[in-house]
Protein backbone atom coordinates (compact mmCIF):
# COMPACT_ATOMS: atom_id res chain seq x y z
CA MET A 1 65.52 112.00 67.32
CA VAL A 2 65.59 109.78 70.37
CA SER A 3 67.77 106.68 70.50
CA ALA A 4 66.96 103.99 73.05
CA THR A 5 69.09 101.24 74.50
CA SER A 6 68.24 98.27 76.64
CA SER A 7 69.45 98.05 80.20
CA PRO A 8 72.75 96.15 80.51
CA GLY A 9 71.65 94.57 83.81
CA PRO A 10 71.44 95.55 87.45
CA VAL A 11 73.01 98.89 88.21
CA ALA A 12 75.98 98.59 90.58
CA ALA A 13 76.15 101.19 93.32
CA PRO A 14 78.85 103.75 92.49
CA PRO A 15 81.76 103.88 94.94
CA GLY A 16 80.91 105.79 98.08
CA THR A 17 77.12 105.69 97.64
CA GLU A 18 76.35 102.53 99.61
CA ARG A 19 74.74 102.76 103.01
CA PRO A 20 77.58 102.83 105.57
CA ARG A 21 77.99 99.82 107.80
CA ARG A 22 78.83 100.56 111.40
CA TYR A 23 80.79 97.45 112.31
CA ARG A 24 82.01 96.37 108.87
CA PRO A 25 83.01 99.50 106.97
CA ARG A 26 83.90 98.95 103.34
CA LEU A 27 86.99 100.59 101.92
CA ARG A 28 86.44 102.16 98.51
CA TYR A 29 89.77 101.69 96.82
CA GLU A 30 88.58 103.67 93.79
CA LEU A 31 88.21 106.76 95.94
CA ILE A 32 91.61 106.13 97.52
CA GLY A 33 93.14 105.82 94.05
CA CYS A 34 91.59 109.06 92.83
CA GLY A 35 92.65 110.81 96.03
CA LEU A 36 96.24 109.77 95.36
CA HIS A 37 96.40 110.06 91.57
CA GLY A 38 93.48 112.25 90.52
CA HIS A 39 90.45 111.40 88.43
CA GLU A 40 90.66 109.43 85.18
CA LEU A 41 88.76 111.64 82.72
CA LEU A 42 88.33 110.97 79.02
CA GLY A 43 87.65 113.42 76.20
CA THR A 44 88.69 116.63 77.96
CA ASP A 45 90.60 117.68 74.81
CA ALA A 46 87.84 116.79 72.31
CA ALA A 47 86.01 119.41 70.27
CA GLN A 48 82.73 117.48 70.11
CA LEU A 49 80.98 114.66 71.88
CA ARG A 50 79.10 111.85 70.17
CA ALA A 51 76.05 109.98 71.44
CA GLU A 52 78.15 106.96 72.34
CA ASP A 53 80.37 109.19 74.49
CA SER A 54 77.54 109.79 76.96
CA LEU A 55 78.83 106.91 79.08
CA PHE A 56 81.76 109.09 80.22
CA ALA A 57 81.09 112.65 79.02
CA ARG A 58 77.93 114.78 78.64
CA GLU A 59 77.10 118.42 77.98
CA ALA A 60 74.57 120.45 79.97
CA GLY A 61 74.18 124.14 80.74
CA GLY A 62 77.23 125.19 78.76
CA LEU A 63 79.46 122.81 80.74
CA ARG A 64 80.85 119.40 80.10
CA TRP A 65 80.43 116.71 82.70
CA TYR A 66 83.19 114.12 82.66
CA ARG A 67 82.84 110.81 84.43
CA CYS A 68 85.86 109.41 86.24
CA LEU A 69 86.49 105.97 84.80
CA ARG A 70 87.83 104.79 88.16
CA CYS A 71 85.49 106.11 90.87
CA ASP A 72 82.40 107.15 88.78
CA SER A 73 82.46 110.75 90.05
CA TRP A 74 81.24 113.37 87.57
CA VAL A 75 83.39 116.50 87.20
CA ALA A 76 82.08 119.69 85.56
CA LEU A 77 84.54 121.52 83.31
CA ALA A 78 84.28 124.15 80.60
CA PRO A 79 84.65 122.86 77.03
CA PRO A 80 88.25 123.14 75.79
CA ASP A 81 89.18 126.45 74.15
CA HIS A 82 91.75 124.77 71.92
CA PRO A 83 90.69 121.14 71.43
CA ALA A 84 93.40 118.76 70.23
CA VAL A 85 91.08 116.19 68.63
CA ARG A 86 87.60 116.23 67.12
CA TYR A 87 86.13 113.37 69.16
CA PRO A 88 87.15 111.40 72.24
CA PRO A 89 89.03 108.17 71.47
CA GLY A 90 87.07 105.01 70.78
CA ARG A 91 86.69 102.35 73.45
CA ALA A 92 89.25 100.07 71.80
CA GLU A 93 91.88 102.83 72.11
CA VAL A 94 91.39 103.37 75.85
CA THR A 95 93.24 101.55 78.61
CA LEU A 96 90.80 101.60 81.52
CA PRO A 97 92.05 102.00 85.11
CA LEU A 98 91.55 99.18 87.58
CA ARG A 99 88.47 99.25 89.77
CA GLY A 100 86.62 96.91 92.09
CA ARG A 101 88.34 93.79 93.42
CA PRO A 102 91.33 93.97 91.05
CA LEU A 103 92.12 97.44 92.41
CA ARG A 104 91.71 96.16 95.97
CA ASP A 105 94.10 93.32 95.24
CA ARG A 106 96.68 95.73 93.82
CA TYR A 107 96.69 97.79 97.01
CA VAL A 108 96.79 94.75 99.30
CA LEU A 109 99.58 93.07 97.33
CA ARG A 110 101.60 96.27 97.31
CA LEU A 111 101.12 96.61 101.05
CA ILE A 112 102.54 93.08 101.44
CA ALA A 113 105.34 94.11 99.06
CA VAL A 114 106.24 96.99 101.39
CA ASP A 115 106.43 94.51 104.27
CA ARG A 116 108.76 92.35 102.18
CA VAL A 117 110.94 95.36 101.37
CA LEU A 118 111.39 95.97 105.11
CA HIS A 119 112.39 92.32 105.53
CA PHE A 120 114.82 92.69 102.62
CA LEU A 121 116.49 95.74 104.17
CA VAL A 122 116.83 94.19 107.64
CA LEU A 123 118.15 90.86 106.32
CA SER A 124 120.55 92.58 103.93
CA ALA A 125 121.96 94.67 106.79
CA LEU A 126 122.28 91.53 108.95
CA ALA A 127 124.07 89.62 106.19
CA ALA A 128 126.48 92.50 105.59
CA ALA A 129 127.18 92.78 109.33
CA LEU A 130 127.87 89.02 109.58
CA PHE A 131 130.23 89.07 106.63
CA LEU A 132 132.11 92.07 108.01
CA PHE A 133 132.30 90.51 111.47
CA ALA A 134 133.55 87.18 110.10
CA ASN A 135 136.14 88.92 107.93
CA ASN A 136 137.49 90.93 110.89
CA LYS A 137 136.77 88.50 113.71
CA ALA A 138 140.36 88.16 114.96
CA ALA A 139 140.95 91.89 115.21
CA LEU A 140 137.56 92.52 116.81
CA ASN A 141 138.10 89.70 119.31
CA ALA A 142 141.44 91.20 120.34
CA ASP A 143 139.86 94.63 120.80
CA PHE A 144 136.97 93.11 122.77
CA THR A 145 139.36 91.23 125.06
CA ALA A 146 141.47 94.35 125.63
CA ILE A 147 138.39 96.42 126.50
CA LEU A 148 137.20 93.77 128.98
CA LYS A 149 140.62 93.68 130.67
CA ASP A 150 140.68 97.46 130.99
CA LEU A 151 137.17 97.46 132.48
CA GLN A 152 138.02 94.67 134.88
CA GLY A 153 141.14 96.50 135.99
CA GLY A 154 139.27 99.74 136.51
CA LEU A 155 136.40 98.12 138.41
CA GLY A 156 138.62 95.79 140.41
CA GLY A 157 136.91 92.56 139.32
CA PRO A 158 135.07 90.72 136.56
CA VAL A 159 132.70 92.88 134.53
CA ASN A 160 130.06 90.20 134.01
CA ASN A 161 130.16 86.54 134.94
CA SER A 162 126.45 85.90 134.50
CA SER A 163 124.86 83.87 131.71
CA HIS A 164 122.87 86.86 130.50
CA GLY A 165 123.56 90.34 129.22
CA ILE A 166 125.40 91.87 126.30
CA VAL A 167 128.87 90.78 127.45
CA HIS A 168 127.75 87.15 127.59
CA ASP A 169 126.13 87.44 124.15
CA LEU A 170 129.30 88.95 122.67
CA ARG A 171 131.40 86.15 124.14
CA ARG A 172 129.09 83.59 122.53
CA LEU A 173 129.31 85.44 119.21
CA PHE A 174 133.11 85.41 119.25
CA ALA A 175 132.99 81.69 120.07
CA VAL A 176 131.23 80.93 116.77
CA SER A 177 133.62 79.71 114.10
CA THR A 178 134.36 81.93 111.13
CA THR A 179 133.01 79.27 108.75
CA ASN A 180 129.66 79.18 110.53
CA LEU A 181 129.47 82.99 110.51
CA TYR A 182 129.94 82.97 106.73
CA LEU A 183 127.27 80.27 106.38
CA VAL A 184 124.78 82.20 108.49
CA GLY A 185 125.58 85.37 106.53
CA ALA A 186 125.04 83.52 103.24
CA GLY A 187 121.71 82.20 104.52
CA ALA A 188 120.61 85.70 105.52
CA ALA A 189 121.68 87.06 102.12
CA ALA A 190 119.76 84.33 100.27
CA TYR A 191 116.65 84.96 102.34
CA ALA A 192 116.99 88.71 101.71
CA ALA A 193 117.20 88.03 97.96
CA MET A 194 114.03 85.93 98.14
CA GLU A 195 112.21 88.68 100.06
CA GLY A 196 113.32 91.25 97.50
CA THR A 197 112.10 89.01 94.67
CA GLU A 198 108.74 88.64 96.42
CA ALA A 199 108.46 92.42 96.81
CA VAL A 200 109.12 93.11 93.12
CA GLY A 201 106.73 90.38 91.95
CA LEU A 202 103.93 91.44 94.31
CA TRP A 203 104.31 95.10 93.35
CA LEU A 204 103.89 94.12 89.69
CA GLY A 205 100.97 91.80 90.51
CA ARG A 206 102.60 88.59 89.28
CA ARG A 207 100.87 85.30 90.05
CA TRP A 208 104.15 83.44 90.73
CA ALA A 209 105.00 86.00 93.42
CA GLU A 210 101.76 85.18 95.24
CA TYR A 211 102.75 81.50 95.39
CA LEU A 212 106.30 82.34 96.46
CA THR A 213 105.03 84.64 99.20
CA PHE A 214 102.57 82.04 100.44
CA VAL A 215 105.21 79.30 100.69
CA ALA A 216 107.85 81.58 102.22
CA THR A 217 105.35 82.80 104.81
CA VAL A 218 103.63 79.57 105.79
CA VAL A 219 106.98 77.76 106.30
CA PHE A 220 107.85 80.01 109.24
CA VAL A 221 104.42 79.93 110.93
CA PRO A 222 105.18 76.73 112.96
CA TYR A 223 108.47 78.26 114.13
CA GLU A 224 106.70 81.47 115.18
CA VAL A 225 104.14 79.43 117.14
CA TYR A 226 106.99 77.51 118.81
CA GLU A 227 108.68 80.77 119.79
CA LEU A 228 105.46 81.91 121.44
CA THR A 229 105.40 78.74 123.56
CA LYS A 230 108.79 79.74 125.00
CA SER A 231 108.05 83.40 125.66
CA ILE A 232 105.32 85.84 124.62
CA SER A 233 106.01 89.35 123.40
CA ALA A 234 103.95 91.89 121.50
CA LEU A 235 106.34 91.74 118.53
CA LYS A 236 106.07 87.94 118.25
CA VAL A 237 102.28 88.04 118.43
CA LEU A 238 102.08 90.85 115.87
CA THR A 239 104.42 89.01 113.49
CA LEU A 240 102.37 85.81 113.71
CA VAL A 241 99.07 87.65 113.19
CA ILE A 242 100.38 89.53 110.14
CA ASN A 243 101.70 86.35 108.55
CA LEU A 244 98.46 84.46 109.21
CA VAL A 245 96.44 87.27 107.64
CA ILE A 246 98.70 87.19 104.57
CA VAL A 247 98.34 83.42 104.24
CA ILE A 248 94.54 83.52 104.59
CA TYR A 249 94.24 86.42 102.13
CA LEU A 250 96.35 84.70 99.48
CA LEU A 251 94.40 81.45 99.83
CA ALA A 252 90.90 82.92 99.96
CA ALA A 253 91.07 86.10 97.85
CA LYS A 254 93.72 85.06 95.32
CA ARG A 255 92.45 81.44 95.11
CA LEU A 256 95.87 79.77 95.21
CA PHE A 257 96.30 76.03 94.64
CA GLY A 258 92.90 75.75 92.94
CA LEU A 259 90.97 76.94 95.98
CA ARG A 260 87.51 78.39 95.16
CA GLY A 261 87.98 77.77 91.45
CA GLY A 262 91.67 78.68 91.31
CA GLY A 263 93.22 80.96 88.73
CA THR A 264 90.36 80.52 86.25
CA ALA A 265 87.81 81.86 88.73
CA GLU A 266 90.19 84.64 89.75
CA ARG A 267 90.59 85.76 86.12
CA ALA A 268 86.82 85.61 85.56
CA GLU A 269 86.28 87.75 88.66
CA ARG A 270 88.86 90.23 87.41
CA GLU A 271 87.22 90.47 83.98
CA ALA A 272 83.81 91.03 85.60
CA ASP A 273 85.11 94.00 87.59
CA THR A 274 87.10 95.63 84.80
CA GLY A 275 86.41 96.84 81.28
CA TRP A 276 83.57 98.81 79.78
CA ALA A 277 80.98 96.24 80.85
CA ALA A 278 81.69 97.03 84.52
CA ILE A 279 81.29 100.77 83.83
CA GLU A 280 78.01 100.16 82.01
CA ARG A 281 76.68 98.15 84.96
CA ALA A 282 77.45 101.09 87.24
CA THR A 283 75.63 103.54 84.94
CA PRO A 284 72.06 104.48 85.90
CA VAL A 285 69.57 104.44 83.04
CA ALA A 286 66.94 107.17 82.79
CA ALA A 287 63.22 106.37 82.65
CA GLY A 288 62.32 105.00 79.25
CA HIS A 289 65.94 103.90 78.73
CA VAL A 290 66.71 107.14 76.90
CA ALA A 291 70.40 107.23 76.05
CA ALA A 292 70.64 110.48 74.12
CA VAL A 293 68.52 113.16 72.51
CA ALA A 294 69.77 114.64 69.24
CA LEU A 295 68.26 117.92 68.04
CA PRO A 296 68.20 119.07 64.40
CA ALA A 297 70.87 121.50 63.31
CA ASP A 298 68.49 124.47 63.52
CA GLY A 299 67.78 123.68 67.20
CA SER A 300 63.99 123.85 66.68
CA GLY A 301 63.46 120.34 67.98
CA GLU A 302 60.93 119.66 65.18
């Protein structure tokens, strides 16, 4: 008996099968995901396969071919010796892995989250250092003055009378009032908390974290441009470029503030790239649209 199905639409090229582009290579995040976490196979513990299971598992030549639900690779394995269930789970019971643009967004957002974690660590260390310095300013100032006197006595003159250098910077730091040191430390701690909140939200893929990251990033872009007008360094340029890329990505790809259809269009795009419909679109259909061939129990084929 031959069962036929109609084509669900144009077949999407499976990850890694497109013609490579020399100047604009395309990252296949599905292949990256499977390289890191392994393939997502379904029905490896099932005793039998049904016709509807051919979308992700088929039998041929005494082997079972399982389709990765993330990257569309087919893996050949022997049928299980001790199956745990009779059939693979139904579609409604399966939580499909991310693929396509939603998977890309997860990796990009988590990369931004790592950047925010680095900011959190640096700012937290700075805030702790400021609080410790403010709390022990008098004792540290006395030690600093004593060390300078000893150096001046040993060298026979002032150690550093210029307006530059570490000694000048330390003198300026000790000249700051304790109240202002606590205020600056509190500001650094608050900013660190915001960066940590961004990191957690982005890692979990929360929409509010995308808005928070956009606002927190774009606010400092004018200041970074102003700093470049005073002096140019590789670190300043790199920081500005990274922040501009983040801002453009959040606006264009994540459609913030209603851009390009806003959240509604973003959710529709996500639904189009996930679910069983996306897997069906990436499934080639044989000539004649033959989905499965079922033989009689005696195997005669008559």
